[in-house]
Amino acid sequence: MNDIGAFIKQKRSESHITQEEFALKSGLGLRFVRELEQGKKTVRLDKVNQALSMFGFTVGPVPVYAESKQASEDILNKAVQEATQTARS
C-alpha cells in the first residue's frame, strides 16, 4: 500500500489540503488517512477506494510481470531484508 499512500499524499498536497481537511471531505477518519499515507501494510480496500475516489481513481486488478530474472531476484532480496529487519526489531 505504500505506493497508494504516496499517491494519495501527493494528490492531497497538490490540492493544498491538510490531512484533516482530506479526512473530513472524504468521510474517512484522520487516523486512517495518516496510516495510509505512512504506508501501513494492512488497510481496508473499501476505504482505500474511498480515498482514491476523491481524485477520480480506484483500485483495480493490475497485471504483475517480472520483466527479468534480475527484477524477480531484487524483489525477493528486498522482501528478505525487510523480514530480517522486522525480526530484529
N, C-alpha and C. Protein backbone atom coordinates (compact mmCIF):
# COMPACT_ATOMS: atom_id res chain seq x y z
N MET A 1 0.79 -1.21 0.00
CA MET A 1 0.00 0.00 0.00
C MET A 1 0.83 1.27 0.00
N ASN A 2 2.13 1.08 0.11
CA ASN A 2 2.98 2.26 0.19
C ASN A 2 2.86 3.15 -1.04
N ASP A 3 2.78 2.55 -2.25
CA ASP A 3 2.65 3.36 -3.46
C ASP A 3 1.34 4.13 -3.46
N ILE A 4 0.28 3.48 -3.01
CA ILE A 4 -1.02 4.15 -2.96
C ILE A 4 -0.99 5.27 -1.93
N GLY A 5 -0.39 5.02 -0.78
CA GLY A 5 -0.29 6.07 0.23
C GLY A 5 0.49 7.27 -0.26
N ALA A 6 1.58 7.02 -0.96
CA ALA A 6 2.38 8.11 -1.53
C ALA A 6 1.58 8.87 -2.58
N PHE A 7 0.80 8.14 -3.38
CA PHE A 7 -0.03 8.76 -4.40
C PHE A 7 -1.07 9.67 -3.76
N ILE A 8 -1.75 9.16 -2.73
CA ILE A 8 -2.76 9.96 -2.02
C ILE A 8 -2.12 11.22 -1.44
N LYS A 9 -0.97 11.05 -0.80
CA LYS A 9 -0.29 12.19 -0.18
C LYS A 9 0.09 13.23 -1.23
N GLN A 10 0.61 12.77 -2.37
CA GLN A 10 1.00 13.69 -3.44
C GLN A 10 -0.22 14.46 -3.97
N LYS A 11 -1.29 13.75 -4.26
CA LYS A 11 -2.50 14.39 -4.79
C LYS A 11 -3.10 15.35 -3.76
N ARG A 12 -3.09 14.94 -2.51
CA ARG A 12 -3.62 15.81 -1.46
C ARG A 12 -2.80 17.08 -1.34
N SER A 13 -1.48 16.93 -1.38
CA SER A 13 -0.59 18.09 -1.30
C SER A 13 -0.77 19.01 -2.50
N GLU A 14 -0.90 18.41 -3.68
CA GLU A 14 -1.13 19.21 -4.89
C GLU A 14 -2.44 19.98 -4.80
N SER A 15 -3.40 19.44 -4.07
CA SER A 15 -4.70 20.09 -3.89
C SER A 15 -4.69 21.10 -2.75
N HIS A 16 -3.55 21.21 -2.08
CA HIS A 16 -3.36 22.17 -0.98
C HIS A 16 -4.38 21.97 0.14
N ILE A 17 -4.59 20.69 0.51
CA ILE A 17 -5.47 20.42 1.65
C ILE A 17 -4.70 19.60 2.68
N THR A 18 -5.02 19.84 3.92
CA THR A 18 -4.37 19.13 5.02
C THR A 18 -4.96 17.73 5.15
N GLN A 19 -4.30 16.91 5.94
CA GLN A 19 -4.84 15.59 6.21
C GLN A 19 -6.21 15.70 6.88
N GLU A 20 -6.34 16.66 7.78
CA GLU A 20 -7.60 16.85 8.48
C GLU A 20 -8.71 17.22 7.50
N GLU A 21 -8.43 18.14 6.59
CA GLU A 21 -9.42 18.54 5.58
C GLU A 21 -9.78 17.37 4.67
N PHE A 22 -8.76 16.61 4.27
CA PHE A 22 -8.99 15.46 3.41
C PHE A 22 -9.88 14.44 4.10
N ALA A 23 -9.60 14.19 5.37
CA ALA A 23 -10.41 13.23 6.13
C ALA A 23 -11.87 13.68 6.18
N LEU A 24 -12.10 14.95 6.44
CA LEU A 24 -13.46 15.46 6.50
C LEU A 24 -14.16 15.38 5.15
N LYS A 25 -13.48 15.81 4.10
CA LYS A 25 -14.09 15.83 2.76
C LYS A 25 -14.35 14.43 2.22
N SER A 26 -13.50 13.48 2.58
CA SER A 26 -13.64 12.12 2.06
C SER A 26 -14.54 11.24 2.92
N GLY A 27 -14.80 11.69 4.15
CA GLY A 27 -15.60 10.89 5.06
C GLY A 27 -14.79 9.80 5.76
N LEU A 28 -13.48 9.91 5.69
CA LEU A 28 -12.59 8.95 6.33
C LEU A 28 -12.09 9.51 7.65
N GLY A 29 -11.62 8.64 8.51
CA GLY A 29 -11.04 9.08 9.76
C GLY A 29 -9.63 9.62 9.56
N LEU A 30 -9.26 10.58 10.36
CA LEU A 30 -7.93 11.16 10.28
C LEU A 30 -6.86 10.10 10.52
N ARG A 31 -7.10 9.22 11.46
CA ARG A 31 -6.12 8.16 11.75
C ARG A 31 -5.89 7.29 10.51
N PHE A 32 -6.98 6.94 9.80
CA PHE A 32 -6.84 6.13 8.59
C PHE A 32 -6.01 6.86 7.54
N VAL A 33 -6.30 8.14 7.33
CA VAL A 33 -5.56 8.92 6.33
C VAL A 33 -4.07 8.96 6.69
N ARG A 34 -3.77 9.19 7.93
CA ARG A 34 -2.36 9.23 8.36
C ARG A 34 -1.68 7.88 8.15
N GLU A 35 -2.34 6.82 8.56
CA GLU A 35 -1.75 5.49 8.42
C GLU A 35 -1.58 5.12 6.95
N LEU A 36 -2.54 5.46 6.11
CA LEU A 36 -2.45 5.18 4.68
C LEU A 36 -1.25 5.90 4.08
N GLU A 37 -1.11 7.17 4.37
CA GLU A 37 0.00 7.96 3.82
C GLU A 37 1.35 7.50 4.37
N GLN A 38 1.36 6.92 5.55
CA GLN A 38 2.61 6.44 6.13
C GLN A 38 2.95 5.03 5.68
N GLY A 39 2.10 4.44 4.84
CA GLY A 39 2.42 3.14 4.26
C GLY A 39 2.02 1.94 5.08
N LYS A 40 0.98 2.08 5.90
CA LYS A 40 0.52 0.93 6.67
C LYS A 40 0.25 -0.24 5.72
N LYS A 41 0.73 -1.42 6.09
CA LYS A 41 0.66 -2.59 5.21
C LYS A 41 -0.74 -3.16 5.07
N THR A 42 -1.56 -3.07 6.11
CA THR A 42 -2.90 -3.64 6.05
C THR A 42 -3.94 -2.54 6.23
N VAL A 43 -4.71 -2.32 5.20
CA VAL A 43 -5.78 -1.32 5.23
C VAL A 43 -7.00 -1.90 4.53
N ARG A 44 -8.16 -1.36 4.82
CA ARG A 44 -9.39 -1.83 4.18
C ARG A 44 -9.48 -1.29 2.76
N LEU A 45 -9.74 -2.18 1.83
CA LEU A 45 -9.81 -1.81 0.43
C LEU A 45 -10.93 -0.82 0.14
N ASP A 46 -12.06 -0.96 0.80
CA ASP A 46 -13.16 -0.03 0.56
C ASP A 46 -12.78 1.39 0.97
N LYS A 47 -12.01 1.50 2.05
CA LYS A 47 -11.57 2.83 2.48
C LYS A 47 -10.50 3.40 1.56
N VAL A 48 -9.64 2.54 1.05
CA VAL A 48 -8.63 2.98 0.07
C VAL A 48 -9.35 3.53 -1.15
N ASN A 49 -10.36 2.82 -1.62
CA ASN A 49 -11.12 3.29 -2.78
C ASN A 49 -11.86 4.58 -2.48
N GLN A 50 -12.32 4.73 -1.27
CA GLN A 50 -12.98 5.98 -0.86
C GLN A 50 -12.00 7.14 -0.95
N ALA A 51 -10.77 6.92 -0.50
CA ALA A 51 -9.74 7.96 -0.58
C ALA A 51 -9.38 8.25 -2.03
N LEU A 52 -9.16 7.20 -2.81
CA LEU A 52 -8.77 7.37 -4.21
C LEU A 52 -9.86 8.06 -5.03
N SER A 53 -11.12 7.80 -4.68
CA SER A 53 -12.21 8.39 -5.44
C SER A 53 -12.23 9.90 -5.36
N MET A 54 -11.61 10.46 -4.34
CA MET A 54 -11.51 11.92 -4.22
C MET A 54 -10.73 12.52 -5.39
N PHE A 55 -9.90 11.71 -6.02
CA PHE A 55 -9.08 12.17 -7.14
C PHE A 55 -9.44 11.47 -8.44
N GLY A 56 -10.58 10.77 -8.45
CA GLY A 56 -11.05 10.12 -9.66
C GLY A 56 -10.39 8.79 -9.98
N PHE A 57 -9.89 8.10 -8.96
CA PHE A 57 -9.22 6.82 -9.15
C PHE A 57 -9.89 5.74 -8.31
N THR A 58 -9.55 4.50 -8.62
CA THR A 58 -9.99 3.35 -7.84
C THR A 58 -8.94 2.26 -7.96
N VAL A 59 -8.93 1.35 -7.00
CA VAL A 59 -8.03 0.21 -7.05
C VAL A 59 -8.65 -0.82 -7.98
N GLY A 60 -7.82 -1.42 -8.79
CA GLY A 60 -8.30 -2.45 -9.69
C GLY A 60 -7.22 -3.46 -9.96
N PRO A 61 -7.57 -4.54 -10.65
CA PRO A 61 -6.57 -5.56 -10.96
C PRO A 61 -5.51 -5.02 -11.92
N VAL A 62 -4.28 -5.24 -11.55
CA VAL A 62 -3.15 -4.80 -12.37
C VAL A 62 -2.25 -6.01 -12.58
N PRO A 63 -1.93 -6.34 -13.82
CA PRO A 63 -1.06 -7.50 -14.04
C PRO A 63 0.34 -7.24 -13.50
N VAL A 64 0.91 -8.28 -12.94
CA VAL A 64 2.27 -8.19 -12.41
C VAL A 64 3.15 -9.09 -13.27
N TYR A 65 4.13 -8.49 -13.90
CA TYR A 65 5.06 -9.23 -14.74
C TYR A 65 6.47 -8.94 -14.30
N ALA A 66 7.23 -9.97 -14.06
CA ALA A 66 8.66 -9.78 -13.77
C ALA A 66 9.33 -9.58 -15.12
N GLU A 67 9.90 -8.41 -15.30
CA GLU A 67 10.48 -8.10 -16.61
C GLU A 67 11.77 -8.86 -16.85
N SER A 68 12.35 -9.34 -15.80
CA SER A 68 13.56 -10.12 -15.97
C SER A 68 13.81 -10.95 -14.72
N LYS A 69 14.70 -11.89 -14.83
CA LYS A 69 15.07 -12.70 -13.67
C LYS A 69 15.65 -11.81 -12.59
N GLN A 70 16.41 -10.81 -12.98
CA GLN A 70 17.04 -9.89 -12.03
C GLN A 70 15.98 -9.13 -11.24
N ALA A 71 14.94 -8.69 -11.92
CA ALA A 71 13.87 -7.95 -11.23
C ALA A 71 13.22 -8.84 -10.18
N SER A 72 12.98 -10.10 -10.51
CA SER A 72 12.38 -11.04 -9.55
C SER A 72 13.31 -11.24 -8.36
N GLU A 73 14.60 -11.38 -8.63
CA GLU A 73 15.56 -11.57 -7.55
C GLU A 73 15.64 -10.33 -6.66
N ASP A 74 15.57 -9.16 -7.26
CA ASP A 74 15.60 -7.91 -6.49
C ASP A 74 14.40 -7.83 -5.54
N ILE A 75 13.22 -8.21 -6.04
CA ILE A 75 12.02 -8.20 -5.22
C ILE A 75 12.16 -9.17 -4.05
N LEU A 76 12.65 -10.36 -4.35
CA LEU A 76 12.83 -11.38 -3.31
C LEU A 76 13.85 -10.91 -2.27
N ASN A 77 14.97 -10.36 -2.72
CA ASN A 77 16.00 -9.88 -1.79
C ASN A 77 15.47 -8.78 -0.89
N LYS A 78 14.68 -7.88 -1.45
CA LYS A 78 14.12 -6.79 -0.66
C LYS A 78 13.18 -7.35 0.41
N ALA A 79 12.35 -8.32 0.04
CA ALA A 79 11.43 -8.93 0.99
C ALA A 79 12.18 -9.62 2.12
N VAL A 80 13.26 -10.30 1.79
CA VAL A 80 14.08 -10.97 2.81
C VAL A 80 14.71 -9.95 3.74
N GLN A 81 15.23 -8.85 3.19
CA GLN A 81 15.84 -7.80 4.01
C GLN A 81 14.81 -7.19 4.96
N GLU A 82 13.61 -6.92 4.46
CA GLU A 82 12.57 -6.33 5.30
C GLU A 82 12.16 -7.30 6.41
N ALA A 83 12.06 -8.57 6.08
CA ALA A 83 11.68 -9.56 7.08
C ALA A 83 12.76 -9.68 8.15
N THR A 84 14.03 -9.63 7.73
CA THR A 84 15.13 -9.71 8.67
C THR A 84 15.15 -8.50 9.60
N GLN A 85 14.91 -7.32 9.04
CA GLN A 85 14.88 -6.10 9.86
C GLN A 85 13.73 -6.14 10.84
N THR A 86 12.58 -6.65 10.41
CA THR A 86 11.41 -6.75 11.29
C THR A 86 11.68 -7.73 12.43
N ALA A 87 12.34 -8.83 12.11
CA ALA A 87 12.65 -9.84 13.13
C ALA A 87 13.62 -9.31 14.17
N ARG A 88 14.51 -8.43 13.76
CA ARG A 88 15.50 -7.85 14.68
C ARG A 88 14.88 -6.80 15.60
N SER A 89 13.76 -6.22 15.18
CA SER A 89 13.13 -5.16 15.97
C SER A 89 12.44 -5.67 17.19
